[in-house]
């Protein structure tokens, strides 16, 4: 999802500013930019996924889907 849509989509979908948000991308740079932006609009429980999306799934970590 593009950064220009991210803030609007999160505000419309994740109402609690204290909800845990786990952000990820392929290389990590976009995640850092997105985390900064989301924090600026008031969200406080932001995490960056360590490793890849494939590693997350292989570990059987929980997945919650939001459709934007």
C-alpha atoms as a PDB file:
ATOM      1  CA  UNK A   1       0.000   0.000   0.000  1.00  0.00           C
ATOM      2  CA  UNK A   2       1.335   3.406  -0.869  1.00  0.00           C
ATOM      3  CA  UNK A   3       2.264   5.863   1.855  1.00  0.00           C
ATOM      4  CA  UNK A   4      -0.289   8.328   0.520  1.00  0.00           C
ATOM      5  CA  UNK A   5      -3.075   5.867   1.384  1.00  0.00           C
ATOM      6  CA  UNK A   6      -1.618   4.381   4.550  1.00  0.00           C
ATOM      7  CA  UNK A   7      -2.543   7.068   7.065  1.00  0.00           C
ATOM      8  CA  UNK A   8      -6.130   7.346   5.852  1.00  0.00           C
ATOM      9  CA  UNK A   9      -6.605   3.569   5.731  1.00  0.00           C
ATOM     10  CA  UNK A  10      -5.235   3.060   9.235  1.00  0.00           C
ATOM     11  CA  UNK A  11      -7.334   5.836  10.764  1.00  0.00           C
ATOM     12  CA  UNK A  12     -10.483   4.428   9.135  1.00  0.00           C
ATOM     13  CA  UNK A  13      -9.722   0.802  10.051  1.00  0.00           C
ATOM     14  CA  UNK A  14      -7.794   0.849  13.350  1.00  0.00           C
ATOM     15  CA  UNK A  15      -9.779   3.049  15.704  1.00  0.00           C
ATOM     16  CA  UNK A  16      -7.728   2.473  18.845  1.00  0.00           C
ATOM     17  CA  UNK A  17      -4.556   4.561  18.859  1.00  0.00           C
ATOM     18  CA  UNK A  18      -3.042   2.022  21.273  1.00  0.00           C
ATOM     19  CA  UNK A  19      -3.686  -1.015  19.029  1.00  0.00           C
ATOM     20  CA  UNK A  20      -0.596  -3.038  18.204  1.00  0.00           C
ATOM     21  CA  UNK A  21       0.456  -2.362  14.620  1.00  0.00           C
ATOM     22  CA  UNK A  22       3.093  -4.572  13.019  1.00  0.00           C
ATOM     23  CA  UNK A  23       4.469  -3.019   9.863  1.00  0.00           C
ATOM     24  CA  UNK A  24       6.565  -4.785   7.257  1.00  0.00           C
ATOM     25  CA  UNK A  25       8.019  -4.428   3.778  1.00  0.00           C
ATOM     26  CA  UNK A  26      10.638  -6.265   1.748  1.00  0.00           C
ATOM     27  CA  UNK A  27      13.693  -4.289   2.797  1.00  0.00           C
ATOM     28  CA  UNK A  28      12.836  -2.351   5.942  1.00  0.00           C
ATOM     29  CA  UNK A  29      13.220   1.222   4.696  1.00  0.00           C
ATOM     30  CA  UNK A  30       9.566   1.727   3.827  1.00  0.00           C
ATOM     31  CA  UNK A  31       8.601   0.226   7.166  1.00  0.00           C
ATOM     32  CA  UNK A  32      10.665   2.861   8.995  1.00  0.00           C
ATOM     33  CA  UNK A  33       9.059   5.673   6.994  1.00  0.00           C
ATOM     34  CA  UNK A  34       5.569   4.238   7.554  1.00  0.00           C
ATOM     35  CA  UNK A  35       6.177   3.773  11.286  1.00  0.00           C
ATOM     36  CA  UNK A  36       7.237   7.407  11.610  1.00  0.00           C
ATOM     37  CA  UNK A  37       4.150   8.584   9.744  1.00  0.00           C
ATOM     38  CA  UNK A  38       1.765   6.416  11.776  1.00  0.00           C
ATOM     39  CA  UNK A  39       3.372   7.581  15.011  1.00  0.00           C
ATOM     40  CA  UNK A  40       2.917  11.219  13.955  1.00  0.00           C
ATOM     41  CA  UNK A  41      -0.845  10.715  13.618  1.00  0.00           C
ATOM     42  CA  UNK A  42      -1.041   9.397  17.167  1.00  0.00           C
ATOM     43  CA  UNK A  43      -0.554   5.623  17.161  1.00  0.00           C
ATOM     44  CA  UNK A  44       1.758   4.494  19.942  1.00  0.00           C
ATOM     45  CA  UNK A  45       2.178   0.707  19.755  1.00  0.00           C
ATOM     46  CA  UNK A  46       4.038   0.299  16.467  1.00  0.00           C
ATOM     47  CA  UNK A  47       6.383  -2.569  15.743  1.00  0.00           C
ATOM     48  CA  UNK A  48       8.514  -3.517  12.773  1.00  0.00           C
ATOM     49  CA  UNK A  49       8.517  -7.128  11.620  1.00  0.00           C
ATOM     50  CA  UNK A  50      11.930  -8.740  12.030  1.00  0.00           C
ATOM     51  CA  UNK A  51      12.743 -11.043   9.158  1.00  0.00           C
ATOM     52  CA  UNK A  52      10.492 -11.534   6.186  1.00  0.00           C
ATOM     53  CA  UNK A  53       6.784 -12.100   5.760  1.00  0.00           C
ATOM     54  CA  UNK A  54       7.569 -15.688   4.734  1.00  0.00           C
ATOM     55  CA  UNK A  55       9.496 -16.244   7.995  1.00  0.00           C
ATOM     56  CA  UNK A  56       6.538 -14.894   9.979  1.00  0.00           C
ATOM     57  CA  UNK A  57       4.191 -17.369   8.316  1.00  0.00           C
ATOM     58  CA  UNK A  58       6.642 -20.264   8.659  1.00  0.00           C
ATOM     59  CA  UNK A  59       6.834 -19.589  12.410  1.00  0.00           C
ATOM     60  CA  UNK A  60       3.045 -19.859  12.623  1.00  0.00           C
ATOM     61  CA  UNK A  61       2.743 -16.346  14.026  1.00  0.00           C
ATOM     62  CA  UNK A  62      -0.781 -14.880  14.216  1.00  0.00           C
ATOM     63  CA  UNK A  63      -2.230 -13.115  11.200  1.00  0.00           C
ATOM     64  CA  UNK A  64      -5.134 -10.688  11.192  1.00  0.00           C
ATOM     65  CA  UNK A  65      -6.311  -9.327   7.870  1.00  0.00           C
ATOM     66  CA  UNK A  66      -7.713  -5.872   7.257  1.00  0.00           C
ATOM     67  CA  UNK A  67      -9.095  -4.990   3.869  1.00  0.00           C
ATOM     68  CA  UNK A  68      -8.418  -1.418   2.767  1.00  0.00           C
END
